[in-house]
C-alpha cells in the first residue's frame, strides 16, 4: 500500500515543522537570526517514531467486470485492518539546512464474511492477504533567508503482495519526487506552493499543492496542504491538541492473484482513492512520549483493478460503501529540552 495521508503532497514538511534558529554574540549582545521554514508557532513538536493501528468495521462491496472470465460479484468486508510504523531522523540539522531520512512500513488486510471456494475471485485472493508497503525517503530543506525556503524530497516504495522469499524489486517499485517553495510571512504564518510527480492516487502523474500553516491566536490554527489535507487545530494546552478536518488518501498495489481466475492476467494492479472526514486528539503521556486517537468517516471514491500496472483500462470496478473508522497512535517527539535549547522565544500574541 502507498498511503498518502497528511503526507500526500509535501509530506515531509510535517517532519520538519520547527523554525531553525542561530545565535551569535558580539560585545555581550545577542543577535538572533530566524530562518524560514514551513512550521509555525503553536504546532506540536515534530515526530520521530510513529506506530499506528487503524480499523474499519463491516461494509458492503460490489464488483463489476466487462470480462466474462471474471464476471460480477458482491460481498461484505467484515473488517479492514491497517498497521504502520515510521521513523524519521535528521542527517543534517543545521539552522539553515536540514536533511531528513525516513523509513516506513505499512500493512493492510481485508477479512470477508462467508468466504468460500465459490466466492468472487478478487475477494478470495484478498482474504487475509498482507498487502505491504516499504518505503525510504530523503528530504532536503534549505532556508534562503528569514522569509523564503524550499524543499526537495525523493521517495521510493515497494508496494504489493510480495513476501520475503519471492520479492522482485522491479515488479513492485514506485518512486516519487516532491518540489516545494515557500514563504514565512511571520512566526505564525507560512505559505508555499509545490508539485509532486508520483503515484499519489494510484497513477503516475503530476499533482499540485498549496501549503497553508497559520496560527491565529493561542488557541486556534490551521494546518493545510490543499487539496490533500486540511485540519483546524485547537490548542487546549501545551500537552493536548484537538483537530477537525479531512484528508485524501490513495495508493496502489502490484499483485499476482495466484490460485484464482485472475492468475491468467499475471501482474495486475489494485488502486484506491478515498476521503476521510476526521476528528483527532493528541495528548502527551510523558514529555517525548505521546499518543493520538482519531476517528471519523471514510468514503471510497475509486477502487479499481487494472490488467497492467499504470494502465488506464479497468479490469474490475469495485464499489465500496462508506464506513466509520477508528485509529490509535503511539509516537515519540523531540524532547522538550532539545526544543528549548537554543530556541528563540518569539513575541507573544
C-alpha atoms as a PDB file:
ATOM      1  CA  UNK A   1       0.000   0.000   0.000  1.00  0.00           C
ATOM      2  CA  UNK A   2       1.096   3.504  -0.671  1.00  0.00           C
ATOM      3  CA  UNK A   3      -0.603   5.539   1.957  1.00  0.00           C
ATOM      4  CA  UNK A   4      -0.952   9.202   1.379  1.00  0.00           C
ATOM      5  CA  UNK A   5      -2.189  10.962   4.465  1.00  0.00           C
ATOM      6  CA  UNK A   6      -1.191  14.322   5.543  1.00  0.00           C
ATOM      7  CA  UNK A   7       1.944  13.236   3.827  1.00  0.00           C
ATOM      8  CA  UNK A   8       0.271  13.112   0.418  1.00  0.00           C
ATOM      9  CA  UNK A   9       1.858  16.180  -1.085  1.00  0.00           C
ATOM     10  CA  UNK A  10       4.884  17.755   0.589  1.00  0.00           C
ATOM     11  CA  UNK A  11       4.528  15.247   3.427  1.00  0.00           C
ATOM     12  CA  UNK A  12       7.962  15.881   4.781  1.00  0.00           C
ATOM     13  CA  UNK A  13       7.037  19.448   5.625  1.00  0.00           C
ATOM     14  CA  UNK A  14       5.352  17.948   8.669  1.00  0.00           C
ATOM     15  CA  UNK A  15       8.566  16.176   9.712  1.00  0.00           C
ATOM     16  CA  UNK A  16      10.481  19.459   9.885  1.00  0.00           C
ATOM     17  CA  UNK A  17       7.957  21.859  11.321  1.00  0.00           C
ATOM     18  CA  UNK A  18      10.271  23.786  13.592  1.00  0.00           C
ATOM     19  CA  UNK A  19      11.909  27.102  12.662  1.00  0.00           C
ATOM     20  CA  UNK A  20      15.684  26.806  12.565  1.00  0.00           C
ATOM     21  CA  UNK A  21      17.480  29.439  14.624  1.00  0.00           C
ATOM     22  CA  UNK A  22      21.065  30.591  15.060  1.00  0.00           C
ATOM     23  CA  UNK A  23      22.572  32.883  17.663  1.00  0.00           C
ATOM     24  CA  UNK A  24      25.735  34.959  17.525  1.00  0.00           C
ATOM     25  CA  UNK A  25      27.261  37.047  20.284  1.00  0.00           C
ATOM     26  CA  UNK A  26      29.161  40.296  19.811  1.00  0.00           C
ATOM     27  CA  UNK A  27      30.166  42.709  22.611  1.00  0.00           C
ATOM     28  CA  UNK A  28      27.954  40.763  25.032  1.00  0.00           C
ATOM     29  CA  UNK A  29      24.918  41.461  22.860  1.00  0.00           C
ATOM     30  CA  UNK A  30      22.885  38.586  21.411  1.00  0.00           C
ATOM     31  CA  UNK A  31      21.786  38.930  17.792  1.00  0.00           C
ATOM     32  CA  UNK A  32      19.218  36.384  16.691  1.00  0.00           C
ATOM     33  CA  UNK A  33      18.703  35.133  13.147  1.00  0.00           C
ATOM     34  CA  UNK A  34      15.480  33.232  12.470  1.00  0.00           C
ATOM     35  CA  UNK A  35      15.411  31.215   9.256  1.00  0.00           C
ATOM     36  CA  UNK A  36      12.288  30.493   7.253  1.00  0.00           C
ATOM     37  CA  UNK A  37      10.504  27.149   7.405  1.00  0.00           C
ATOM     38  CA  UNK A  38       7.073  25.604   6.934  1.00  0.00           C
ATOM     39  CA  UNK A  39       6.313  25.364  10.651  1.00  0.00           C
ATOM     40  CA  UNK A  40       4.562  27.986  12.740  1.00  0.00           C
ATOM     41  CA  UNK A  41       4.268  28.739  16.435  1.00  0.00           C
ATOM     42  CA  UNK A  42       1.544  26.690  18.093  1.00  0.00           C
ATOM     43  CA  UNK A  43       2.143  23.443  16.209  1.00  0.00           C
ATOM     44  CA  UNK A  44       3.120  20.281  18.108  1.00  0.00           C
ATOM     45  CA  UNK A  45       6.721  19.180  18.274  1.00  0.00           C
ATOM     46  CA  UNK A  46       7.999  17.126  15.300  1.00  0.00           C
ATOM     47  CA  UNK A  47       7.557  13.350  15.487  1.00  0.00           C
ATOM     48  CA  UNK A  48      10.413  10.905  15.106  1.00  0.00           C
ATOM     49  CA  UNK A  49       8.954   7.403  15.585  1.00  0.00           C
ATOM     50  CA  UNK A  50       5.270   6.597  14.968  1.00  0.00           C
ATOM     51  CA  UNK A  51       3.325   3.350  15.403  1.00  0.00           C
ATOM     52  CA  UNK A  52      -0.289   3.342  14.207  1.00  0.00           C
ATOM     53  CA  UNK A  53      -3.212   0.926  14.029  1.00  0.00           C
ATOM     54  CA  UNK A  54      -6.482   1.616  12.221  1.00  0.00           C
ATOM     55  CA  UNK A  55      -9.660  -0.419  11.780  1.00  0.00           C
ATOM     56  CA  UNK A  56     -12.812  -0.089   9.726  1.00  0.00           C
ATOM     57  CA  UNK A  57     -15.842  -2.174  10.725  1.00  0.00           C
ATOM     58  CA  UNK A  58     -18.034  -4.065   8.231  1.00  0.00           C
ATOM     59  CA  UNK A  59     -19.090  -2.571   4.906  1.00  0.00           C
ATOM     60  CA  UNK A  60     -20.514  -3.875   1.623  1.00  0.00           C
ATOM     61  CA  UNK A  61     -18.612  -4.290  -1.626  1.00  0.00           C
ATOM     62  CA  UNK A  62     -19.899  -4.776  -5.187  1.00  0.00           C
ATOM     63  CA  UNK A  63     -17.680  -5.585  -8.163  1.00  0.00           C
ATOM     64  CA  UNK A  64     -18.260  -5.412 -11.922  1.00  0.00           C
ATOM     65  CA  UNK A  65     -16.145  -6.539 -14.858  1.00  0.00           C
ATOM     66  CA  UNK A  66     -16.737  -6.467 -18.601  1.00  0.00           C
ATOM     67  CA  UNK A  67     -14.540  -9.531 -18.968  1.00  0.00           C
ATOM     68  CA  UNK A  68     -16.778 -12.665 -18.916  1.00  0.00           C
ATOM     69  CA  UNK A  69     -13.907 -14.695 -17.457  1.00  0.00           C
ATOM     70  CA  UNK A  70     -14.210 -12.659 -14.270  1.00  0.00           C
ATOM     71  CA  UNK A  71     -17.843 -11.520 -14.113  1.00  0.00           C
ATOM     72  CA  UNK A  72     -19.513  -9.625 -11.296  1.00  0.00           C
ATOM     73  CA  UNK A  73     -19.638 -10.217  -7.575  1.00  0.00           C
ATOM     74  CA  UNK A  74     -20.763  -8.829  -4.256  1.00  0.00           C
ATOM     75  CA  UNK A  75     -19.881  -9.422  -0.650  1.00  0.00           C
ATOM     76  CA  UNK A  76     -19.281  -7.867   2.716  1.00  0.00           C
ATOM     77  CA  UNK A  77     -15.997  -6.913   4.330  1.00  0.00           C
ATOM     78  CA  UNK A  78     -16.121  -7.990   7.969  1.00  0.00           C
ATOM     79  CA  UNK A  79     -13.190  -5.771   8.933  1.00  0.00           C
ATOM     80  CA  UNK A  80     -10.406  -3.831   7.292  1.00  0.00           C
ATOM     81  CA  UNK A  81      -7.192  -3.515   9.288  1.00  0.00           C
ATOM     82  CA  UNK A  82      -4.180  -1.267   8.790  1.00  0.00           C
ATOM     83  CA  UNK A  83      -0.893  -1.139  10.639  1.00  0.00           C
ATOM     84  CA  UNK A  84       2.001   1.229  10.034  1.00  0.00           C
ATOM     85  CA  UNK A  85       5.325   2.205  11.566  1.00  0.00           C
ATOM     86  CA  UNK A  86       7.610   5.036  10.529  1.00  0.00           C
ATOM     87  CA  UNK A  87      10.903   6.550  11.617  1.00  0.00           C
ATOM     88  CA  UNK A  88      12.285   9.961  10.707  1.00  0.00           C
ATOM     89  CA  UNK A  89      15.599  11.452  11.783  1.00  0.00           C
ATOM     90  CA  UNK A  90      17.870  14.322  10.698  1.00  0.00           C
ATOM     91  CA  UNK A  91      21.145  13.518   8.957  1.00  0.00           C
ATOM     92  CA  UNK A  92      21.904  17.237   8.846  1.00  0.00           C
ATOM     93  CA  UNK A  93      20.242  19.539  11.369  1.00  0.00           C
ATOM     94  CA  UNK A  94      21.712  22.990  10.911  1.00  0.00           C
ATOM     95  CA  UNK A  95      19.787  26.210  11.436  1.00  0.00           C
ATOM     96  CA  UNK A  96      19.639  26.928   7.711  1.00  0.00           C
ATOM     97  CA  UNK A  97      19.786  23.424   6.204  1.00  0.00           C
ATOM     98  CA  UNK A  98      18.176  20.127   7.116  1.00  0.00           C
ATOM     99  CA  UNK A  99      18.434  16.685   5.556  1.00  0.00           C
ATOM    100  CA  UNK A 100      15.880  14.184   6.858  1.00  0.00           C
ATOM    101  CA  UNK A 101      15.890  10.436   6.284  1.00  0.00           C
ATOM    102  CA  UNK A 102      12.673   8.497   6.765  1.00  0.00           C
ATOM    103  CA  UNK A 103      11.604   4.855   6.695  1.00  0.00           C
ATOM    104  CA  UNK A 104       8.065   3.477   6.700  1.00  0.00           C
ATOM    105  CA  UNK A 105       6.424   0.068   6.803  1.00  0.00           C
ATOM    106  CA  UNK A 106       2.686  -0.358   6.210  1.00  0.00           C
ATOM    107  CA  UNK A 107       0.412  -3.376   6.158  1.00  0.00           C
ATOM    108  CA  UNK A 108      -3.209  -3.662   5.050  1.00  0.00           C
ATOM    109  CA  UNK A 109      -5.590  -6.628   5.075  1.00  0.00           C
ATOM    110  CA  UNK A 110      -9.240  -7.419   4.297  1.00  0.00           C
ATOM    111  CA  UNK A 111     -11.385 -10.014   6.064  1.00  0.00           C
ATOM    112  CA  UNK A 112     -14.623 -11.001   4.303  1.00  0.00           C
ATOM    113  CA  UNK A 113     -17.774 -12.639   5.606  1.00  0.00           C
ATOM    114  CA  UNK A 114     -18.657 -16.152   4.433  1.00  0.00           C
ATOM    115  CA  UNK A 115     -15.677 -16.553   2.131  1.00  0.00           C
ATOM    116  CA  UNK A 116     -15.501 -19.919   0.296  1.00  0.00           C
ATOM    117  CA  UNK A 117     -14.079 -21.567  -2.827  1.00  0.00           C
ATOM    118  CA  UNK A 118     -17.054 -20.275  -4.817  1.00  0.00           C
ATOM    119  CA  UNK A 119     -16.697 -16.664  -3.683  1.00  0.00           C
ATOM    120  CA  UNK A 120     -15.689 -13.932  -6.121  1.00  0.00           C
ATOM    121  CA  UNK A 121     -12.092 -14.394  -7.235  1.00  0.00           C
ATOM    122  CA  UNK A 122     -10.858 -10.978  -6.031  1.00  0.00           C
ATOM    123  CA  UNK A 123     -12.397 -11.462  -2.584  1.00  0.00           C
ATOM    124  CA  UNK A 124     -10.889 -14.928  -2.248  1.00  0.00           C
ATOM    125  CA  UNK A 125      -7.469 -13.598  -3.082  1.00  0.00           C
ATOM    126  CA  UNK A 126      -7.656 -10.578  -0.776  1.00  0.00           C
ATOM    127  CA  UNK A 127      -8.964 -12.586   2.179  1.00  0.00           C
ATOM    128  CA  UNK A 128      -6.436 -12.171   4.997  1.00  0.00           C
ATOM    129  CA  UNK A 129      -3.774 -11.214   2.456  1.00  0.00           C
ATOM    130  CA  UNK A 130      -0.936  -8.966   3.604  1.00  0.00           C
ATOM    131  CA  UNK A 131      -0.694  -6.023   1.212  1.00  0.00           C
ATOM    132  CA  UNK A 132       2.515  -4.236   2.111  1.00  0.00           C
ATOM    133  CA  UNK A 133       4.407  -1.028   1.502  1.00  0.00           C
ATOM    134  CA  UNK A 134       8.035  -0.465   2.492  1.00  0.00           C
ATOM    135  CA  UNK A 135       9.494   2.938   1.763  1.00  0.00           C
ATOM    136  CA  UNK A 136      12.653   5.017   2.158  1.00  0.00           C
ATOM    137  CA  UNK A 137      12.823   8.769   1.651  1.00  0.00           C
ATOM    138  CA  UNK A 138      15.262  11.664   1.800  1.00  0.00           C
ATOM    139  CA  UNK A 139      14.094  15.248   2.255  1.00  0.00           C
ATOM    140  CA  UNK A 140      16.250  18.330   1.900  1.00  0.00           C
ATOM    141  CA  UNK A 141      15.062  21.688   3.250  1.00  0.00           C
ATOM    142  CA  UNK A 142      17.045  24.888   2.835  1.00  0.00           C
ATOM    143  CA  UNK A 143      16.154  28.302   4.197  1.00  0.00           C
ATOM    144  CA  UNK A 144      17.280  31.005   1.777  1.00  0.00           C
ATOM    145  CA  UNK A 145      16.812  33.712   4.402  1.00  0.00           C
ATOM    146  CA  UNK A 146      14.318  34.657   7.097  1.00  0.00           C
ATOM    147  CA  UNK A 147      11.448  34.744   4.570  1.00  0.00           C
ATOM    148  CA  UNK A 148      11.981  32.063   1.921  1.00  0.00           C
ATOM    149  CA  UNK A 149      12.668  28.329   1.922  1.00  0.00           C
ATOM    150  CA  UNK A 150      12.485  25.360  -0.432  1.00  0.00           C
ATOM    151  CA  UNK A 151      12.150  21.604  -0.143  1.00  0.00           C
ATOM    152  CA  UNK A 152      13.174  18.625  -2.279  1.00  0.00           C
ATOM    153  CA  UNK A 153      12.051  15.117  -1.414  1.00  0.00           C
ATOM    154  CA  UNK A 154      12.731  11.775  -3.084  1.00  0.00           C
ATOM    155  CA  UNK A 155      10.947   8.619  -2.012  1.00  0.00           C
ATOM    156  CA  UNK A 156      10.965   5.013  -3.174  1.00  0.00           C
ATOM    157  CA  UNK A 157       8.484   2.313  -2.141  1.00  0.00           C
ATOM    158  CA  UNK A 158       7.837  -1.356  -2.718  1.00  0.00           C
ATOM    159  CA  UNK A 159       4.049  -1.851  -2.851  1.00  0.00           C
ATOM    160  CA  UNK A 160       2.289  -5.166  -3.269  1.00  0.00           C
ATOM    161  CA  UNK A 161       1.606  -8.695  -2.091  1.00  0.00           C
ATOM    162  CA  UNK A 162       5.225  -9.838  -2.018  1.00  0.00           C
ATOM    163  CA  UNK A 163       6.868 -11.958   0.653  1.00  0.00           C
ATOM    164  CA  UNK A 164      10.480 -12.046   1.766  1.00  0.00           C
ATOM    165  CA  UNK A 165      11.153 -15.072  -0.440  1.00  0.00           C
ATOM    166  CA  UNK A 166       9.578 -14.044  -3.748  1.00  0.00           C
ATOM    167  CA  UNK A 167      10.196 -10.300  -3.997  1.00  0.00           C
ATOM    168  CA  UNK A 168      11.270  -8.856  -7.349  1.00  0.00           C
ATOM    169  CA  UNK A 169      12.051  -5.175  -6.859  1.00  0.00           C
ATOM    170  CA  UNK A 170      11.294  -4.220 -10.461  1.00  0.00           C
ATOM    171  CA  UNK A 171       7.736  -5.560 -10.110  1.00  0.00           C
ATOM    172  CA  UNK A 172       6.837  -3.532  -7.030  1.00  0.00           C
ATOM    173  CA  UNK A 173       8.968  -0.374  -7.024  1.00  0.00           C
ATOM    174  CA  UNK A 174       7.372   3.085  -7.287  1.00  0.00           C
ATOM    175  CA  UNK A 175       9.195   6.391  -6.968  1.00  0.00           C
ATOM    176  CA  UNK A 176       8.051   9.893  -6.032  1.00  0.00           C
ATOM    177  CA  UNK A 177       9.640  13.338  -6.300  1.00  0.00           C
ATOM    178  CA  UNK A 178       8.404  16.460  -4.437  1.00  0.00           C
ATOM    179  CA  UNK A 179       9.437  20.078  -5.033  1.00  0.00           C
ATOM    180  CA  UNK A 180       8.170  22.977  -2.931  1.00  0.00           C
ATOM    181  CA  UNK A 181       8.897  26.669  -2.412  1.00  0.00           C
ATOM    182  CA  UNK A 182       7.524  28.664   0.499  1.00  0.00           C
ATOM    183  CA  UNK A 183       7.476  31.883   2.459  1.00  0.00           C
ATOM    184  CA  UNK A 184       7.428  32.514   6.222  1.00  0.00           C
ATOM    185  CA  UNK A 185       5.335  35.657   6.441  1.00  0.00           C
ATOM    186  CA  UNK A 186       5.576  35.713  10.244  1.00  0.00           C
ATOM    187  CA  UNK A 187       6.329  33.256  13.074  1.00  0.00           C
ATOM    188  CA  UNK A 188       2.617  32.348  12.892  1.00  0.00           C
ATOM    189  CA  UNK A 189       2.029  32.257   9.138  1.00  0.00           C
ATOM    190  CA  UNK A 190       3.689  30.209   6.381  1.00  0.00           C
ATOM    191  CA  UNK A 191       2.546  29.537   2.823  1.00  0.00           C
ATOM    192  CA  UNK A 192       4.029  27.590  -0.072  1.00  0.00           C
ATOM    193  CA  UNK A 193       3.435  26.016  -3.464  1.00  0.00           C
ATOM    194  CA  UNK A 194       4.663  22.704  -4.752  1.00  0.00           C
ATOM    195  CA  UNK A 195       4.295  19.792  -7.126  1.00  0.00           C
ATOM    196  CA  UNK A 196       4.643  16.058  -6.742  1.00  0.00           C
ATOM    197  CA  UNK A 197       5.427  13.610  -9.501  1.00  0.00           C
ATOM    198  CA  UNK A 198       4.412  10.200  -8.322  1.00  0.00           C
ATOM    199  CA  UNK A 199       1.702   7.669  -7.532  1.00  0.00           C
ATOM    200  CA  UNK A 200      -0.418   9.749  -5.179  1.00  0.00           C
ATOM    201  CA  UNK A 201      -3.767   8.343  -6.321  1.00  0.00           C
ATOM    202  CA  UNK A 202      -2.597   5.163  -7.981  1.00  0.00           C
ATOM    203  CA  UNK A 203      -1.414   6.587 -11.305  1.00  0.00           C
ATOM    204  CA  UNK A 204       1.872   8.309 -12.038  1.00  0.00           C
ATOM    205  CA  UNK A 205       1.007  11.956 -12.544  1.00  0.00           C
ATOM    206  CA  UNK A 206       1.971  15.487 -11.579  1.00  0.00           C
ATOM    207  CA  UNK A 207      -0.078  16.831  -8.661  1.00  0.00           C
ATOM    208  CA  UNK A 208      -0.017  20.445  -7.435  1.00  0.00           C
ATOM    209  CA  UNK A 209      -0.352  21.518  -3.821  1.00  0.00           C
ATOM    210  CA  UNK A 210      -0.642  24.642  -1.672  1.00  0.00           C
ATOM    211  CA  UNK A 211       0.805  24.824   1.837  1.00  0.00           C
ATOM    212  CA  UNK A 212      -1.054  26.999   4.360  1.00  0.00           C
ATOM    213  CA  UNK A 213       0.006  26.904   8.020  1.00  0.00           C
ATOM    214  CA  UNK A 214      -1.358  29.635  10.241  1.00  0.00           C
ATOM    215  CA  UNK A 215      -1.807  30.188  13.966  1.00  0.00           C
ATOM    216  CA  UNK A 216      -4.430  32.848  14.650  1.00  0.00           C
ATOM    217  CA  UNK A 217      -4.065  33.091  18.428  1.00  0.00           C
ATOM    218  CA  UNK A 218      -3.008  30.953  21.378  1.00  0.00           C
ATOM    219  CA  UNK A 219      -5.962  28.574  20.863  1.00  0.00           C
ATOM    220  CA  UNK A 220      -6.693  28.229  17.130  1.00  0.00           C
ATOM    221  CA  UNK A 221      -4.782  27.458  13.970  1.00  0.00           C
ATOM    222  CA  UNK A 222      -4.977  25.804  10.539  1.00  0.00           C
ATOM    223  CA  UNK A 223      -2.619  23.218   9.017  1.00  0.00           C
ATOM    224  CA  UNK A 224      -3.258  22.531   5.338  1.00  0.00           C
ATOM    225  CA  UNK A 225      -1.661  21.027   2.246  1.00  0.00           C
ATOM    226  CA  UNK A 226      -4.505  21.749  -0.146  1.00  0.00           C
ATOM    227  CA  UNK A 227      -6.216  19.831  -1.684  1.00  0.00           C
ATOM    228  CA  UNK A 228      -4.706  16.773   0.028  1.00  0.00           C
ATOM    229  CA  UNK A 229      -5.454  17.644   3.654  1.00  0.00           C
ATOM    230  CA  UNK A 230      -6.942  20.464   5.723  1.00  0.00           C
ATOM    231  CA  UNK A 231      -7.156  20.498   9.531  1.00  0.00           C
ATOM    232  CA  UNK A 232      -8.320  23.093  12.045  1.00  0.00           C
ATOM    233  CA  UNK A 233      -6.224  22.954  15.215  1.00  0.00           C
ATOM    234  CA  UNK A 234      -7.362  23.666  18.757  1.00  0.00           C
ATOM    235  CA  UNK A 235      -4.574  24.132  21.305  1.00  0.00           C
ATOM    236  CA  UNK A 236      -6.095  23.072  24.614  1.00  0.00           C
ATOM    237  CA  UNK A 237      -2.710  23.448  26.319  1.00  0.00           C
ATOM    238  CA  UNK A 238       0.907  22.518  25.546  1.00  0.00           C
ATOM    239  CA  UNK A 239       0.105  18.844  26.217  1.00  0.00           C
ATOM    240  CA  UNK A 240      -3.195  18.487  24.343  1.00  0.00           C
ATOM    241  CA  UNK A 241      -4.199  19.245  20.743  1.00  0.00           C
ATOM    242  CA  UNK A 242      -7.546  18.732  19.024  1.00  0.00           C
ATOM    243  CA  UNK A 243      -8.103  18.595  15.250  1.00  0.00           C
ATOM    244  CA  UNK A 244     -11.027  18.504  12.825  1.00  0.00           C
ATOM    245  CA  UNK A 245     -10.739  18.287   9.060  1.00  0.00           C
ATOM    246  CA  UNK A 246     -10.308  15.951   6.124  1.00  0.00           C
ATOM    247  CA  UNK A 247      -7.612  14.243   4.100  1.00  0.00           C
ATOM    248  CA  UNK A 248      -7.420  12.413   0.793  1.00  0.00           C
ATOM    249  CA  UNK A 249      -5.721   9.039   0.648  1.00  0.00           C
ATOM    250  CA  UNK A 250      -4.677   6.973  -2.329  1.00  0.00           C
ATOM    251  CA  UNK A 251      -2.472   4.063  -3.164  1.00  0.00           C
ATOM    252  CA  UNK A 252      -1.657   1.173  -5.441  1.00  0.00           C
ATOM    253  CA  UNK A 253      -0.543  -2.448  -5.091  1.00  0.00           C
ATOM    254  CA  UNK A 254       1.017  -4.663  -7.707  1.00  0.00           C
ATOM    255  CA  UNK A 255      -0.326  -8.166  -7.087  1.00  0.00           C
ATOM    256  CA  UNK A 256      -0.162 -11.667  -8.533  1.00  0.00           C
ATOM    257  CA  UNK A 257      -3.535 -13.292  -7.781  1.00  0.00           C
ATOM    258  CA  UNK A 258      -2.457 -16.936  -7.889  1.00  0.00           C
ATOM    259  CA  UNK A 259      -4.938 -19.786  -7.412  1.00  0.00           C
ATOM    260  CA  UNK A 260      -7.842 -17.638  -8.719  1.00  0.00           C
ATOM    261  CA  UNK A 261      -9.303 -16.775 -12.121  1.00  0.00           C
ATOM    262  CA  UNK A 262      -7.175 -13.626 -12.011  1.00  0.00           C
ATOM    263  CA  UNK A 263      -3.882 -15.523 -12.305  1.00  0.00           C
ATOM    264  CA  UNK A 264      -4.269 -15.681 -16.107  1.00  0.00           C
ATOM    265  CA  UNK A 265      -3.558 -11.939 -16.228  1.00  0.00           C
ATOM    266  CA  UNK A 266      -0.230 -12.228 -14.424  1.00  0.00           C
ATOM    267  CA  UNK A 267       0.743  -8.998 -12.658  1.00  0.00           C
ATOM    268  CA  UNK A 268      -2.277  -6.758 -12.030  1.00  0.00           C
ATOM    269  CA  UNK A 269      -2.695  -3.536 -10.076  1.00  0.00           C
ATOM    270  CA  UNK A 270      -5.159  -2.586  -7.350  1.00  0.00           C
ATOM    271  CA  UNK A 271      -5.659   1.188  -6.930  1.00  0.00           C
ATOM    272  CA  UNK A 272      -7.759   3.144  -4.494  1.00  0.00           C
ATOM    273  CA  UNK A 273      -8.699   6.740  -3.728  1.00  0.00           C
ATOM    274  CA  UNK A 274     -10.791   7.792  -0.738  1.00  0.00           C
ATOM    275  CA  UNK A 275     -11.516  10.750   1.511  1.00  0.00           C
ATOM    276  CA  UNK A 276     -11.674  10.856   5.305  1.00  0.00           C
ATOM    277  CA  UNK A 277     -13.562  13.306   7.478  1.00  0.00           C
ATOM    278  CA  UNK A 278     -11.834  13.182  10.852  1.00  0.00           C
ATOM    279  CA  UNK A 279     -11.678  14.239  14.480  1.00  0.00           C
ATOM    280  CA  UNK A 280      -8.377  13.779  16.285  1.00  0.00           C
ATOM    281  CA  UNK A 281      -6.866  14.233  19.739  1.00  0.00           C
ATOM    282  CA  UNK A 282      -3.136  14.280  20.517  1.00  0.00           C
ATOM    283  CA  UNK A 283      -2.014  14.047  24.131  1.00  0.00           C
ATOM    284  CA  UNK A 284       1.306  13.899  25.946  1.00  0.00           C
ATOM    285  CA  UNK A 285       1.989  10.841  28.115  1.00  0.00           C
ATOM    286  CA  UNK A 286       5.419  11.904  29.310  1.00  0.00           C
ATOM    287  CA  UNK A 287       7.474  14.667  27.691  1.00  0.00           C
ATOM    288  CA  UNK A 288       8.636  12.946  24.477  1.00  0.00           C
ATOM    289  CA  UNK A 289       6.049  10.108  24.549  1.00  0.00           C
ATOM    290  CA  UNK A 290       2.652  10.960  23.018  1.00  0.00           C
ATOM    291  CA  UNK A 291      -0.460   9.177  21.823  1.00  0.00           C
ATOM    292  CA  UNK A 292      -3.288  10.090  19.459  1.00  0.00           C
ATOM    293  CA  UNK A 293      -6.830   8.869  18.895  1.00  0.00           C
ATOM    294  CA  UNK A 294      -8.525   9.549  15.584  1.00  0.00           C
ATOM    295  CA  UNK A 295     -11.961   8.681  14.263  1.00  0.00           C
ATOM    296  CA  UNK A 296     -14.298   9.680  11.504  1.00  0.00           C
ATOM    297  CA  UNK A 297     -15.907   8.533   8.277  1.00  0.00           C
ATOM    298  CA  UNK A 298     -14.167   7.162   5.204  1.00  0.00           C
ATOM    299  CA  UNK A 299     -15.816   7.418   1.801  1.00  0.00           C
ATOM    300  CA  UNK A 300     -14.233   5.454  -1.029  1.00  0.00           C
ATOM    301  CA  UNK A 301     -14.111   7.484  -4.223  1.00  0.00           C
ATOM    302  CA  UNK A 302     -12.475   4.944  -6.522  1.00  0.00           C
ATOM    303  CA  UNK A 303     -11.358   1.343  -6.055  1.00  0.00           C
ATOM    304  CA  UNK A 304     -10.230  -0.414  -9.244  1.00  0.00           C
ATOM    305  CA  UNK A 305      -8.202  -3.345 -10.552  1.00  0.00           C
ATOM    306  CA  UNK A 306      -6.171  -2.840 -13.736  1.00  0.00           C
ATOM    307  CA  UNK A 307      -4.851  -5.517 -16.059  1.00  0.00           C
ATOM    308  CA  UNK A 308      -1.384  -3.956 -16.078  1.00  0.00           C
ATOM    309  CA  UNK A 309       0.339  -1.586 -13.602  1.00  0.00           C
ATOM    310  CA  UNK A 310      -0.041   2.014 -14.761  1.00  0.00           C
ATOM    311  CA  UNK A 311      -2.709   1.018 -17.304  1.00  0.00           C
ATOM    312  CA  UNK A 312      -5.899   3.028 -17.952  1.00  0.00           C
ATOM    313  CA  UNK A 313      -8.105   0.049 -18.862  1.00  0.00           C
ATOM    314  CA  UNK A 314     -10.108  -1.144 -15.865  1.00  0.00           C
ATOM    315  CA  UNK A 315     -10.388  -4.862 -15.305  1.00  0.00           C
ATOM    316  CA  UNK A 316     -12.666  -4.685 -12.235  1.00  0.00           C
ATOM    317  CA  UNK A 317     -14.653  -1.774 -10.828  1.00  0.00           C
ATOM    318  CA  UNK A 318     -15.306  -2.042  -7.096  1.00  0.00           C
ATOM    319  CA  UNK A 319     -17.982  -0.050  -5.288  1.00  0.00           C
ATOM    320  CA  UNK A 320     -17.220   0.074  -1.554  1.00  0.00           C
ATOM    321  CA  UNK A 321     -19.729   1.518   0.895  1.00  0.00           C
ATOM    322  CA  UNK A 322     -18.606   4.300   3.199  1.00  0.00           C
ATOM    323  CA  UNK A 323     -17.771   3.358   6.779  1.00  0.00           C
ATOM    324  CA  UNK A 324     -16.641   4.822  10.064  1.00  0.00           C
ATOM    325  CA  UNK A 325     -13.117   4.182  11.246  1.00  0.00           C
ATOM    326  CA  UNK A 326     -11.030   4.443  14.405  1.00  0.00           C
ATOM    327  CA  UNK A 327      -7.269   4.707  14.752  1.00  0.00           C
ATOM    328  CA  UNK A 328      -4.749   4.934  17.583  1.00  0.00           C
ATOM    329  CA  UNK A 329      -1.118   6.080  17.506  1.00  0.00           C
ATOM    330  CA  UNK A 330       1.838   5.965  19.857  1.00  0.00           C
ATOM    331  CA  UNK A 331       4.767   8.171  18.917  1.00  0.00           C
ATOM    332  CA  UNK A 332       7.910   9.889  20.097  1.00  0.00           C
ATOM    333  CA  UNK A 333       8.577  13.597  19.648  1.00  0.00           C
ATOM    334  CA  UNK A 334      11.663  15.742  20.177  1.00  0.00           C
ATOM    335  CA  UNK A 335      12.234  16.111  23.947  1.00  0.00           C
ATOM    336  CA  UNK A 336      11.194  19.480  25.289  1.00  0.00           C
ATOM    337  CA  UNK A 337      14.710  20.317  26.457  1.00  0.00           C
ATOM    338  CA  UNK A 338      16.015  19.803  22.913  1.00  0.00           C
ATOM    339  CA  UNK A 339      13.498  22.291  21.596  1.00  0.00           C
ATOM    340  CA  UNK A 340      14.196  24.806  24.344  1.00  0.00           C
ATOM    341  CA  UNK A 341      17.962  24.616  23.924  1.00  0.00           C
ATOM    342  CA  UNK A 342      18.844  27.478  21.634  1.00  0.00           C
ATOM    343  CA  UNK A 343      15.208  28.193  20.831  1.00  0.00           C
ATOM    344  CA  UNK A 344      14.296  31.817  20.287  1.00  0.00           C
ATOM    345  CA  UNK A 345      11.199  32.921  22.127  1.00  0.00           C
ATOM    346  CA  UNK A 346       9.089  34.891  19.719  1.00  0.00           C
ATOM    347  CA  UNK A 347       6.790  37.726  20.529  1.00  0.00           C
ATOM    348  CA  UNK A 348       3.528  36.907  22.330  1.00  0.00           C
ATOM    349  CA  UNK A 349       0.181  37.150  20.585  1.00  0.00           C
END
